[in-house]
Amino acid sequence: MSLYDERVAGAAQRLRRVITDTLPDIREQLDIPAKMIAYSYGNSYSCMICTLIPSKKGLKLGFYKGMDLPDPQNLLQGTGKISRYVEIKDNVDEEALVALLKEALKAYQRRNKA
């Protein structure tokens, strides 16, 4: 039996496909205690691109260093010093999510060139 209702589980599966289709060779790491899935290109925190965060209430897509990402569609929420998230709803613009994922990938590539 799933911890999440069918709507949340279905949205998570769809979003997972968007992430893996958009980010080539991304590593998926399940963090059971934190109840999230991290997507990264390495083992360090600086290699993380995003996280999939399901809950009983819904689904969020978190972005490491999200406060630095361009967000012309104003999807990013949160007030943390580093991370931001998108609350995934039925009407979320998939193209805008893909654009954010691509910007997060570019930011990762810039961080790891130095």
PDB file of N, CA and C in Angstrom:
ATOM      1  N   MET A   1       0.845  -1.198   0.000  1.00  0.00           N
ATOM      2  CA  MET A   1       0.000   0.000   0.000  1.00  0.00           C
ATOM      3  C   MET A   1       0.883   1.251   0.000  1.00  0.00           C
ATOM      4  N   SER A   2       0.583   2.191  -0.837  1.00  0.00           N
ATOM      5  CA  SER A   2       1.360   3.411  -0.955  1.00  0.00           C
ATOM      6  C   SER A   2       1.084   4.348   0.219  1.00  0.00           C
ATOM      7  N   LEU A   3       2.119   5.100   0.599  1.00  0.00           N
ATOM      8  CA  LEU A   3       1.953   6.108   1.645  1.00  0.00           C
ATOM      9  C   LEU A   3       1.154   7.310   1.153  1.00  0.00           C
ATOM     10  N   TYR A   4       1.055   7.446  -0.159  1.00  0.00           N
ATOM     11  CA  TYR A   4       0.436   8.616  -0.760  1.00  0.00           C
ATOM     12  C   TYR A   4      -0.780   8.216  -1.580  1.00  0.00           C
ATOM     13  N   ASP A   5      -1.725   9.133  -1.675  1.00  0.00           N
ATOM     14  CA  ASP A   5      -2.917   8.813  -2.451  1.00  0.00           C
ATOM     15  C   ASP A   5      -2.566   8.726  -3.941  1.00  0.00           C
ATOM     16  N   GLU A   6      -3.489   8.206  -4.702  1.00  0.00           N
ATOM     17  CA  GLU A   6      -3.284   7.940  -6.132  1.00  0.00           C
ATOM     18  C   GLU A   6      -2.911   9.205  -6.912  1.00  0.00           C
ATOM     19  N   ARG A   7      -3.506  10.325  -6.566  1.00  0.00           N
ATOM     20  CA  ARG A   7      -3.223  11.588  -7.256  1.00  0.00           C
ATOM     21  C   ARG A   7      -1.770  12.003  -7.066  1.00  0.00           C
ATOM     22  N   VAL A   8      -1.279  11.937  -5.821  1.00  0.00           N
ATOM     23  CA  VAL A   8       0.107  12.315  -5.528  1.00  0.00           C
ATOM     24  C   VAL A   8       1.069  11.332  -6.185  1.00  0.00           C
ATOM     25  N   ALA A   9       0.793  10.033  -6.076  1.00  0.00           N
ATOM     26  CA  ALA A   9       1.663   9.012  -6.672  1.00  0.00           C
ATOM     27  C   ALA A   9       1.727   9.167  -8.195  1.00  0.00           C
ATOM     28  N   GLY A  10       0.606   9.414  -8.825  1.00  0.00           N
ATOM     29  CA  GLY A  10       0.573   9.600 -10.276  1.00  0.00           C
ATOM     30  C   GLY A  10       1.341  10.841 -10.703  1.00  0.00           C
ATOM     31  N   ALA A  11       1.163  11.932  -9.977  1.00  0.00           N
ATOM     32  CA  ALA A  11       1.877  13.170 -10.292  1.00  0.00           C
ATOM     33  C   ALA A  11       3.381  12.975 -10.106  1.00  0.00           C
ATOM     34  N   ALA A  12       3.770  12.230  -9.077  1.00  0.00           N
ATOM     35  CA  ALA A  12       5.191  11.958  -8.837  1.00  0.00           C
ATOM     36  C   ALA A  12       5.787  11.140  -9.978  1.00  0.00           C
ATOM     37  N   GLN A  13       5.063  10.168 -10.469  1.00  0.00           N
ATOM     38  CA  GLN A  13       5.553   9.356 -11.587  1.00  0.00           C
ATOM     39  C   GLN A  13       5.713  10.199 -12.855  1.00  0.00           C
ATOM     40  N   ARG A  14       4.748  11.066 -13.113  1.00  0.00           N
ATOM     41  CA  ARG A  14       4.842  11.939 -14.290  1.00  0.00           C
ATOM     42  C   ARG A  14       6.019  12.913 -14.163  1.00  0.00           C
ATOM     43  N   LEU A  15       6.170  13.497 -12.981  1.00  0.00           N
ATOM     44  CA  LEU A  15       7.250  14.449 -12.762  1.00  0.00           C
ATOM     45  C   LEU A  15       8.614  13.759 -12.828  1.00  0.00           C
ATOM     46  N   ARG A  16       8.693  12.552 -12.329  1.00  0.00           N
ATOM     47  CA  ARG A  16       9.933  11.781 -12.415  1.00  0.00           C
ATOM     48  C   ARG A  16      10.348  11.608 -13.874  1.00  0.00           C
ATOM     49  N   ARG A  17       9.390  11.309 -14.735  1.00  0.00           N
ATOM     50  CA  ARG A  17       9.694  11.170 -16.170  1.00  0.00           C
ATOM     51  C   ARG A  17      10.182  12.484 -16.760  1.00  0.00           C
ATOM     52  N   VAL A  18       9.556  13.586 -16.376  1.00  0.00           N
ATOM     53  CA  VAL A  18       9.984  14.901 -16.877  1.00  0.00           C
ATOM     54  C   VAL A  18      11.435  15.158 -16.446  1.00  0.00           C
ATOM     55  N   ILE A  19      11.746  14.861 -15.194  1.00  0.00           N
ATOM     56  CA  ILE A  19      13.104  15.084 -14.676  1.00  0.00           C
ATOM     57  C   ILE A  19      14.116  14.224 -15.427  1.00  0.00           C
ATOM     58  N   THR A  20      13.854  12.932 -15.521  1.00  0.00           N
ATOM     59  CA  THR A  20      14.826  12.034 -16.160  1.00  0.00           C
ATOM     60  C   THR A  20      14.931  12.273 -17.663  1.00  0.00           C
ATOM     61  N   ASP A  21      13.864  12.737 -18.297  1.00  0.00           N
ATOM     62  CA  ASP A  21      13.924  13.068 -19.725  1.00  0.00           C
ATOM     63  C   ASP A  21      14.693  14.364 -19.965  1.00  0.00           C
ATOM     64  N   THR A  22      14.652  15.280 -19.010  1.00  0.00           N
ATOM     65  CA  THR A  22      15.259  16.602 -19.182  1.00  0.00           C
ATOM     66  C   THR A  22      16.725  16.631 -18.761  1.00  0.00           C
ATOM     67  N   LEU A  23      17.065  15.850 -17.750  1.00  0.00           N
ATOM     68  CA  LEU A  23      18.422  15.872 -17.201  1.00  0.00           C
ATOM     69  C   LEU A  23      19.162  14.589 -17.592  1.00  0.00           C
ATOM     70  N   PRO A  24      20.018  14.661 -18.608  1.00  0.00           N
ATOM     71  CA  PRO A  24      20.686  13.448 -19.094  1.00  0.00           C
ATOM     72  C   PRO A  24      21.579  12.808 -18.030  1.00  0.00           C
ATOM     73  N   ASP A  25      21.470  11.490 -17.901  1.00  0.00           N
ATOM     74  CA  ASP A  25      22.308  10.695 -16.987  1.00  0.00           C
ATOM     75  C   ASP A  25      22.218  11.119 -15.518  1.00  0.00           C
ATOM     76  N   ILE A  26      21.104  11.705 -15.123  1.00  0.00           N
ATOM     77  CA  ILE A  26      20.921  12.139 -13.732  1.00  0.00           C
ATOM     78  C   ILE A  26      20.836  10.910 -12.828  1.00  0.00           C
ATOM     79  N   ARG A  27      21.373  11.032 -11.623  1.00  0.00           N
ATOM     80  CA  ARG A  27      21.307   9.957 -10.634  1.00  0.00           C
ATOM     81  C   ARG A  27      20.121  10.205  -9.706  1.00  0.00           C
ATOM     82  N   GLU A  28      19.361   9.159  -9.495  1.00  0.00           N
ATOM     83  CA  GLU A  28      18.190   9.229  -8.625  1.00  0.00           C
ATOM     84  C   GLU A  28      18.552   8.556  -7.303  1.00  0.00           C
ATOM     85  N   GLN A  29      18.397   9.296  -6.196  1.00  0.00           N
ATOM     86  CA  GLN A  29      18.771   8.778  -4.889  1.00  0.00           C
ATOM     87  C   GLN A  29      17.599   8.906  -3.928  1.00  0.00           C
ATOM     88  N   LEU A  30      17.111   7.777  -3.478  1.00  0.00           N
ATOM     89  CA  LEU A  30      15.992   7.745  -2.552  1.00  0.00           C
ATOM     90  C   LEU A  30      16.493   8.018  -1.138  1.00  0.00           C
ATOM     91  N   ASP A  31      15.879   8.972  -0.459  1.00  0.00           N
ATOM     92  CA  ASP A  31      16.189   9.284   0.932  1.00  0.00           C
ATOM     93  C   ASP A  31      14.941   8.961   1.746  1.00  0.00           C
ATOM     94  N   ILE A  32      14.877   7.743   2.256  1.00  0.00           N
ATOM     95  CA  ILE A  32      13.681   7.272   2.959  1.00  0.00           C
ATOM     96  C   ILE A  32      13.388   8.082   4.216  1.00  0.00           C
ATOM     97  N   PRO A  33      14.384   8.336   5.099  1.00  0.00           N
ATOM     98  CA  PRO A  33      14.062   9.123   6.299  1.00  0.00           C
ATOM     99  C   PRO A  33      13.497  10.512   5.988  1.00  0.00           C
ATOM    100  N   ALA A  34      14.025  11.146   4.934  1.00  0.00           N
ATOM    101  CA  ALA A  34      13.554  12.490   4.564  1.00  0.00           C
ATOM    102  C   ALA A  34      12.310  12.438   3.686  1.00  0.00           C
ATOM    103  N   LYS A  35      11.937  11.244   3.227  1.00  0.00           N
ATOM    104  CA  LYS A  35      10.769  11.045   2.361  1.00  0.00           C
ATOM    105  C   LYS A  35      10.863  11.903   1.101  1.00  0.00           C
ATOM    106  N   MET A  36      12.003  11.762   0.414  1.00  0.00           N
ATOM    107  CA  MET A  36      12.192  12.506  -0.829  1.00  0.00           C
ATOM    108  C   MET A  36      13.122  11.731  -1.747  1.00  0.00           C
ATOM    109  N   ILE A  37      13.148  12.159  -2.996  1.00  0.00           N
ATOM    110  CA  ILE A  37      14.057  11.591  -3.983  1.00  0.00           C
ATOM    111  C   ILE A  37      14.923  12.731  -4.485  1.00  0.00           C
ATOM    112  N   ALA A  38      16.238  12.556  -4.374  1.00  0.00           N
ATOM    113  CA  ALA A  38      17.178  13.577  -4.834  1.00  0.00           C
ATOM    114  C   ALA A  38      17.674  13.211  -6.223  1.00  0.00           C
ATOM    115  N   TYR A  39      17.887  14.213  -7.032  1.00  0.00           N
ATOM    116  CA  TYR A  39      18.418  14.040  -8.379  1.00  0.00           C
ATOM    117  C   TYR A  39      19.721  14.820  -8.454  1.00  0.00           C
ATOM    118  N   SER A  40      20.819  14.092  -8.726  1.00  0.00           N
ATOM    119  CA  SER A  40      22.129  14.736  -8.702  1.00  0.00           C
ATOM    120  C   SER A  40      23.081  14.077  -9.691  1.00  0.00           C
ATOM    121  N   TYR A  41      24.235  14.719  -9.844  1.00  0.00           N
ATOM    122  CA  TYR A  41      25.291  14.199 -10.701  1.00  0.00           C
ATOM    123  C   TYR A  41      26.499  13.755  -9.887  1.00  0.00           C
ATOM    124  N   GLY A  42      26.345  13.627  -8.593  1.00  0.00           N
ATOM    125  CA  GLY A  42      27.445  13.179  -7.744  1.00  0.00           C
ATOM    126  C   GLY A  42      26.967  12.976  -6.328  1.00  0.00           C
ATOM    127  N   ASN A  43      27.917  12.743  -5.425  1.00  0.00           N
ATOM    128  CA  ASN A  43      27.566  12.436  -4.046  1.00  0.00           C
ATOM    129  C   ASN A  43      27.501  13.646  -3.133  1.00  0.00           C
ATOM    130  N   SER A  44      28.060  14.768  -3.555  1.00  0.00           N
ATOM    131  CA  SER A  44      28.057  15.936  -2.682  1.00  0.00           C
ATOM    132  C   SER A  44      26.789  16.767  -2.900  1.00  0.00           C
ATOM    133  N   TYR A  45      26.500  17.570  -1.888  1.00  0.00           N
ATOM    134  CA  TYR A  45      25.309  18.417  -1.941  1.00  0.00           C
ATOM    135  C   TYR A  45      25.369  19.377  -3.123  1.00  0.00           C
ATOM    136  N   SER A  46      26.571  19.830  -3.456  1.00  0.00           N
ATOM    137  CA  SER A  46      26.717  20.786  -4.560  1.00  0.00           C
ATOM    138  C   SER A  46      26.415  20.167  -5.921  1.00  0.00           C
ATOM    139  N   CYS A  47      26.329  18.840  -5.981  1.00  0.00           N
ATOM    140  CA  CYS A  47      26.019  18.155  -7.239  1.00  0.00           C
ATOM    141  C   CYS A  47      24.523  17.938  -7.428  1.00  0.00           C
ATOM    142  N   MET A  48      23.739  18.339  -6.424  1.00  0.00           N
ATOM    143  CA  MET A  48      22.299  18.141  -6.501  1.00  0.00           C
ATOM    144  C   MET A  48      21.661  19.172  -7.432  1.00  0.00           C
ATOM    145  N   ILE A  49      20.686  18.697  -8.185  1.00  0.00           N
ATOM    146  CA  ILE A  49      19.928  19.574  -9.073  1.00  0.00           C
ATOM    147  C   ILE A  49      18.567  19.879  -8.459  1.00  0.00           C
ATOM    148  N   CYS A  50      17.850  18.814  -8.074  1.00  0.00           N
ATOM    149  CA  CYS A  50      16.504  19.007  -7.550  1.00  0.00           C
ATOM    150  C   CYS A  50      16.094  17.831  -6.679  1.00  0.00           C
ATOM    151  N   THR A  51      14.963  17.983  -6.020  1.00  0.00           N
ATOM    152  CA  THR A  51      14.399  16.921  -5.186  1.00  0.00           C
ATOM    153  C   THR A  51      12.898  16.826  -5.451  1.00  0.00           C
ATOM    154  N   LEU A  52      12.417  15.623  -5.401  1.00  0.00           N
ATOM    155  CA  LEU A  52      10.991  15.344  -5.533  1.00  0.00           C
ATOM    156  C   LEU A  52      10.496  15.062  -4.120  1.00  0.00           C
ATOM    157  N   ILE A  53       9.537  15.850  -3.652  1.00  0.00           N
ATOM    158  CA  ILE A  53       9.099  15.772  -2.259  1.00  0.00           C
ATOM    159  C   ILE A  53       7.596  15.496  -2.199  1.00  0.00           C
ATOM    160  N   PRO A  54       7.218  14.217  -2.062  1.00  0.00           N
ATOM    161  CA  PRO A  54       5.795  13.904  -1.931  1.00  0.00           C
ATOM    162  C   PRO A  54       5.339  14.049  -0.480  1.00  0.00           C
ATOM    163  N   SER A  55       4.071  14.355  -0.308  1.00  0.00           N
ATOM    164  CA  SER A  55       3.469  14.384   1.023  1.00  0.00           C
ATOM    165  C   SER A  55       2.006  13.980   0.877  1.00  0.00           C
ATOM    166  N   LYS A  56       1.341  13.827   1.984  1.00  0.00           N
ATOM    167  CA  LYS A  56      -0.076  13.467   1.926  1.00  0.00           C
ATOM    168  C   LYS A  56      -0.895  14.595   1.285  1.00  0.00           C
ATOM    169  N   LYS A  57      -0.407  15.834   1.396  1.00  0.00           N
ATOM    170  CA  LYS A  57      -1.123  16.983   0.851  1.00  0.00           C
ATOM    171  C   LYS A  57      -0.843  17.232  -0.619  1.00  0.00           C
ATOM    172  N   GLY A  58       0.305  16.760  -1.109  1.00  0.00           N
ATOM    173  CA  GLY A  58       0.632  17.046  -2.496  1.00  0.00           C
ATOM    174  C   GLY A  58       2.070  16.717  -2.836  1.00  0.00           C
ATOM    175  N   LEU A  59       2.610  17.440  -3.785  1.00  0.00           N
ATOM    176  CA  LEU A  59       3.927  17.153  -4.323  1.00  0.00           C
ATOM    177  C   LEU A  59       4.661  18.466  -4.582  1.00  0.00           C
ATOM    178  N   LYS A  60       5.960  18.476  -4.242  1.00  0.00           N
ATOM    179  CA  LYS A  60       6.796  19.646  -4.503  1.00  0.00           C
ATOM    180  C   LYS A  60       8.035  19.205  -5.260  1.00  0.00           C
ATOM    181  N   LEU A  61       8.528  20.091  -6.100  1.00  0.00           N
ATOM    182  CA  LEU A  61       9.793  19.908  -6.782  1.00  0.00           C
ATOM    183  C   LEU A  61      10.725  20.976  -6.231  1.00  0.00           C
ATOM    184  N   GLY A  62      11.705  20.519  -5.439  1.00  0.00           N
ATOM    185  CA  GLY A  62      12.646  21.446  -4.818  1.00  0.00           C
ATOM    186  C   GLY A  62      13.880  21.635  -5.683  1.00  0.00           C
ATOM    187  N   PHE A  63      14.441  22.837  -5.653  1.00  0.00           N
ATOM    188  CA  PHE A  63      15.634  23.157  -6.426  1.00  0.00           C
ATOM    189  C   PHE A  63      16.745  23.623  -5.504  1.00  0.00           C
ATOM    190  N   TYR A  64      17.883  22.928  -5.551  1.00  0.00           N
ATOM    191  CA  TYR A  64      19.072  23.371  -4.834  1.00  0.00           C
ATOM    192  C   TYR A  64      19.551  24.664  -5.483  1.00  0.00           C
ATOM    193  N   LYS A  65      19.852  25.658  -4.681  1.00  0.00           N
ATOM    194  CA  LYS A  65      20.246  26.989  -5.163  1.00  0.00           C
ATOM    195  C   LYS A  65      19.136  27.619  -6.004  1.00  0.00           C
ATOM    196  N   GLY A  66      17.907  27.287  -5.691  1.00  0.00           N
ATOM    197  CA  GLY A  66      16.763  27.796  -6.437  1.00  0.00           C
ATOM    198  C   GLY A  66      16.612  29.295  -6.387  1.00  0.00           C
ATOM    199  N   MET A  67      17.175  29.929  -5.341  1.00  0.00           N
ATOM    200  CA  MET A  67      17.060  31.383  -5.255  1.00  0.00           C
ATOM    201  C   MET A  67      17.834  32.077  -6.353  1.00  0.00           C
ATOM    202  N   ASP A  68      18.761  31.349  -7.017  1.00  0.00           N
ATOM    203  CA  ASP A  68      19.563  31.929  -8.096  1.00  0.00           C
ATOM    204  C   ASP A  68      19.000  31.658  -9.489  1.00  0.00           C
ATOM    205  N   LEU A  69      17.939  30.884  -9.587  1.00  0.00           N
ATOM    206  CA  LEU A  69      17.421  30.498 -10.901  1.00  0.00           C
ATOM    207  C   LEU A  69      16.490  31.562 -11.481  1.00  0.00           C
ATOM    208  N   PRO A  70      16.615  31.826 -12.782  1.00  0.00           N
ATOM    209  CA  PRO A  70      15.628  32.696 -13.422  1.00  0.00           C
ATOM    210  C   PRO A  70      14.263  32.001 -13.409  1.00  0.00           C
ATOM    211  N   ASP A  71      13.234  32.743 -13.107  1.00  0.00           N
ATOM    212  CA  ASP A  71      11.895  32.165 -12.971  1.00  0.00           C
ATOM    213  C   ASP A  71      10.846  33.111 -13.570  1.00  0.00           C
ATOM    214  N   PRO A  72      10.854  33.261 -14.898  1.00  0.00           N
ATOM    215  CA  PRO A  72       9.924  34.214 -15.516  1.00  0.00           C
ATOM    216  C   PRO A  72       8.452  33.860 -15.308  1.00  0.00           C
ATOM    217  N   GLN A  73       8.140  32.598 -15.046  1.00  0.00           N
ATOM    218  CA  GLN A  73       6.748  32.197 -14.819  1.00  0.00           C
ATOM    219  C   GLN A  73       6.337  32.306 -13.345  1.00  0.00           C
ATOM    220  N   ASN A  74       7.280  32.712 -12.491  1.00  0.00           N
ATOM    221  CA  ASN A  74       7.027  32.860 -11.048  1.00  0.00           C
ATOM    222  C   ASN A  74       6.483  31.590 -10.407  1.00  0.00           C
ATOM    223  N   LEU A  75       7.114  30.473 -10.721  1.00  0.00           N
ATOM    224  CA  LEU A  75       6.707  29.197 -10.143  1.00  0.00           C
ATOM    225  C   LEU A  75       7.357  28.929  -8.790  1.00  0.00           C
ATOM    226  N   LEU A  76       8.565  29.448  -8.590  1.00  0.00           N
ATOM    227  CA  LEU A  76       9.323  29.130  -7.381  1.00  0.00           C
ATOM    228  C   LEU A  76       8.735  29.804  -6.150  1.00  0.00           C
ATOM    229  N   GLN A  77       8.685  29.025  -5.071  1.00  0.00           N
ATOM    230  CA  GLN A  77       8.168  29.501  -3.793  1.00  0.00           C
ATOM    231  C   GLN A  77       9.205  29.218  -2.717  1.00  0.00           C
ATOM    232  N   GLY A  78       9.000  29.803  -1.568  1.00  0.00           N
ATOM    233  CA  GLY A  78       9.865  29.560  -0.426  1.00  0.00           C
ATOM    234  C   GLY A  78      10.684  30.783  -0.081  1.00  0.00           C
ATOM    235  N   THR A  79      11.168  30.811   1.144  1.00  0.00           N
ATOM    236  CA  THR A  79      11.927  31.956   1.627  1.00  0.00           C
ATOM    237  C   THR A  79      13.273  31.548   2.210  1.00  0.00           C
ATOM    238  N   GLY A  80      13.683  30.300   1.992  1.00  0.00           N
ATOM    239  CA  GLY A  80      14.969  29.835   2.509  1.00  0.00           C
ATOM    240  C   GLY A  80      16.125  30.567   1.859  1.00  0.00           C
ATOM    241  N   LYS A  81      17.299  30.463   2.477  1.00  0.00           N
ATOM    242  CA  LYS A  81      18.485  31.145   1.970  1.00  0.00           C
ATOM    243  C   LYS A  81      19.006  30.516   0.684  1.00  0.00           C
ATOM    244  N   ILE A  82      18.724  29.229   0.464  1.00  0.00           N
ATOM    245  CA  ILE A  82      19.308  28.531  -0.680  1.00  0.00           C
ATOM    246  C   ILE A  82      18.255  27.929  -1.604  1.00  0.00           C
ATOM    247  N   SER A  83      17.397  27.124  -1.072  1.00  0.00           N
ATOM    248  CA  SER A  83      16.476  26.331  -1.898  1.00  0.00           C
ATOM    249  C   SER A  83      15.156  27.042  -2.152  1.00  0.00           C
ATOM    250  N   ARG A  84      14.531  26.640  -3.228  1.00  0.00           N
ATOM    251  CA  ARG A  84      13.169  27.056  -3.569  1.00  0.00           C
ATOM    252  C   ARG A  84      12.443  25.828  -4.089  1.00  0.00           C
ATOM    253  N   TYR A  85      11.131  25.902  -4.178  1.00  0.00           N
ATOM    254  CA  TYR A  85      10.354  24.755  -4.642  1.00  0.00           C
ATOM    255  C   TYR A  85       9.181  25.221  -5.491  1.00  0.00           C
ATOM    256  N   VAL A  86       8.686  24.272  -6.268  1.00  0.00           N
ATOM    257  CA  VAL A  86       7.468  24.475  -7.047  1.00  0.00           C
ATOM    258  C   VAL A  86       6.432  23.521  -6.496  1.00  0.00           C
ATOM    259  N   GLU A  87       5.297  24.046  -6.118  1.00  0.00           N
ATOM    260  CA  GLU A  87       4.192  23.193  -5.690  1.00  0.00           C
ATOM    261  C   GLU A  87       3.519  22.659  -6.954  1.00  0.00           C
ATOM    262  N   ILE A  88       3.494  21.343  -7.089  1.00  0.00           N
ATOM    263  CA  ILE A  88       2.972  20.713  -8.292  1.00  0.00           C
ATOM    264  C   ILE A  88       1.463  20.555  -8.158  1.00  0.00           C
ATOM    265  N   LYS A  89       0.760  21.231  -9.039  1.00  0.00           N
ATOM    266  CA  LYS A  89      -0.707  21.164  -9.064  1.00  0.00           C
ATOM    267  C   LYS A  89      -1.141  20.671 -10.436  1.00  0.00           C
ATOM    268  N   ASP A  90      -2.399  20.367 -10.572  1.00  0.00           N
ATOM    269  CA  ASP A  90      -2.913  19.834 -11.840  1.00  0.00           C
ATOM    270  C   ASP A  90      -2.646  20.762 -13.018  1.00  0.00           C
ATOM    271  N   ASN A  91      -2.616  22.056 -12.772  1.00  0.00           N
ATOM    272  CA  ASN A  91      -2.483  23.016 -13.864  1.00  0.00           C
ATOM    273  C   ASN A  91      -1.059  23.544 -14.036  1.00  0.00           C
ATOM    274  N   VAL A  92      -0.064  22.881 -13.439  1.00  0.00           N
ATOM    275  CA  VAL A  92       1.310  23.375 -13.539  1.00  0.00           C
ATOM    276  C   VAL A  92       1.780  23.291 -14.995  1.00  0.00           C
ATOM    277  N   ASP A  93       2.499  24.289 -15.418  1.00  0.00           N
ATOM    278  CA  ASP A  93       3.000  24.404 -16.785  1.00  0.00           C
ATOM    279  C   ASP A  93       4.248  23.537 -16.936  1.00  0.00           C
ATOM    280  N   GLU A  94       4.116  22.411 -17.637  1.00  0.00           N
ATOM    281  CA  GLU A  94       5.228  21.478 -17.784  1.00  0.00           C
ATOM    282  C   GLU A  94       6.402  22.117 -18.522  1.00  0.00           C
ATOM    283  N   GLU A  95       6.121  22.942 -19.511  1.00  0.00           N
ATOM    284  CA  GLU A  95       7.201  23.617 -20.241  1.00  0.00           C
ATOM    285  C   GLU A  95       7.994  24.527 -19.310  1.00  0.00           C
ATOM    286  N   ALA A  96       7.318  25.200 -18.405  1.00  0.00           N
ATOM    287  CA  ALA A  96       7.998  26.068 -17.438  1.00  0.00           C
ATOM    288  C   ALA A  96       8.849  25.229 -16.482  1.00  0.00           C
ATOM    289  N   LEU A  97       8.358  24.054 -16.089  1.00  0.00           N
ATOM    290  CA  LEU A  97       9.150  23.162 -15.241  1.00  0.00           C
ATOM    291  C   LEU A  97      10.406  22.693 -15.965  1.00  0.00           C
ATOM    292  N   VAL A  98      10.251  22.317 -17.219  1.00  0.00           N
ATOM    293  CA  VAL A  98      11.400  21.887 -18.017  1.00  0.00           C
ATOM    294  C   VAL A  98      12.414  23.031 -18.119  1.00  0.00           C
ATOM    295  N   ALA A  99      11.940  24.251 -18.327  1.00  0.00           N
ATOM    296  CA  ALA A  99      12.841  25.408 -18.396  1.00  0.00           C
ATOM    297  C   ALA A  99      13.603  25.585 -17.086  1.00  0.00           C
ATOM    298  N   LEU A 100      12.920  25.430 -15.939  1.00  0.00           N
ATOM    299  CA  LEU A 100      13.590  25.532 -14.634  1.00  0.00           C
ATOM    300  C   LEU A 100      14.631  24.426 -14.469  1.00  0.00           C
ATOM    301  N   LEU A 101      14.279  23.206 -14.870  1.00  0.00           N
ATOM    302  CA  LEU A 101      15.234  22.096 -14.773  1.00  0.00           C
ATOM    303  C   LEU A 101      16.469  22.368 -15.624  1.00  0.00           C
ATOM    304  N   LYS A 102      16.282  22.913 -16.803  1.00  0.00           N
ATOM    305  CA  LYS A 102      17.420  23.231 -17.679  1.00  0.00           C
ATOM    306  C   LYS A 102      18.279  24.347 -17.072  1.00  0.00           C
ATOM    307  N   GLU A 103      17.643  25.326 -16.463  1.00  0.00           N
ATOM    308  CA  GLU A 103      18.396  26.391 -15.794  1.00  0.00           C
ATOM    309  C   GLU A 103      19.165  25.839 -14.592  1.00  0.00           C
ATOM    310  N   ALA A 104      18.551  24.913 -13.863  1.00  0.00           N
ATOM    311  CA  ALA A 104      19.230  24.289 -12.724  1.00  0.00           C
ATOM    312  C   ALA A 104      20.438  23.476 -13.199  1.00  0.00           C
ATOM    313  N   LEU A 105      20.316  22.819 -14.329  1.00  0.00           N
ATOM    314  CA  LEU A 105      21.439  22.078 -14.901  1.00  0.00           C
ATOM    315  C   LEU A 105      22.568  23.039 -15.289  1.00  0.00           C
ATOM    316  N   LYS A 106      22.237  24.149 -15.913  1.00  0.00           N
ATOM    317  CA  LYS A 106      23.251  25.141 -16.279  1.00  0.00           C
ATOM    318  C   LYS A 106      23.947  25.684 -15.029  1.00  0.00           C
ATOM    319  N   ALA A 107      23.177  25.946 -13.983  1.00  0.00           N
ATOM    320  CA  ALA A 107      23.746  26.454 -12.730  1.00  0.00           C
ATOM    321  C   ALA A 107      24.702  25.415 -12.121  1.00  0.00           C
ATOM    322  N   TYR A 108      24.315  24.159 -12.158  1.00  0.00           N
ATOM    323  CA  TYR A 108      25.195  23.077 -11.668  1.00  0.00           C
ATOM    324  C   TYR A 108      26.492  23.063 -12.475  1.00  0.00           C
ATOM    325  N   GLN A 109      26.388  23.157 -13.782  1.00  0.00           N
ATOM    326  CA  GLN A 109      27.578  23.126 -14.631  1.00  0.00           C
ATOM    327  C   GLN A 109      28.493  24.314 -14.336  1.00  0.00           C
ATOM    328  N   ARG A 110      27.937  25.482 -14.099  1.00  0.00           N
ATOM    329  CA  ARG A 110      28.750  26.654 -13.736  1.00  0.00           C
ATOM    330  C   ARG A 110      29.423  26.442 -12.385  1.00  0.00           C
ATOM    331  N   ARG A 111      28.685  25.934 -11.388  1.00  0.00           N
ATOM    332  CA  ARG A 111      29.239  25.709 -10.052  1.00  0.00           C
ATOM    333  C   ARG A 111      30.412  24.738 -10.090  1.00  0.00           C
ATOM    334  N   ASN A 112      30.307  23.735 -10.931  1.00  0.00           N
ATOM    335  CA  ASN A 112      31.299  22.675 -10.900  1.00  0.00           C
ATOM    336  C   ASN A 112      32.429  22.856 -11.897  1.00  0.00           C
ATOM    337  N   LYS A 113      32.433  23.973 -12.625  1.00  0.00           N
ATOM    338  CA  LYS A 113      33.573  24.304 -13.486  1.00  0.00           C
ATOM    339  C   LYS A 113      34.688  24.931 -12.669  1.00  0.00           C
ATOM    340  N   ALA A 114      34.295  25.636 -11.617  1.00  0.00           N
ATOM    341  CA  ALA A 114      35.279  26.374 -10.801  1.00  0.00           C
ATOM    342  C   ALA A 114      36.183  25.463 -10.011  1.00  0.00           C
TER     343      ALA A 114
END
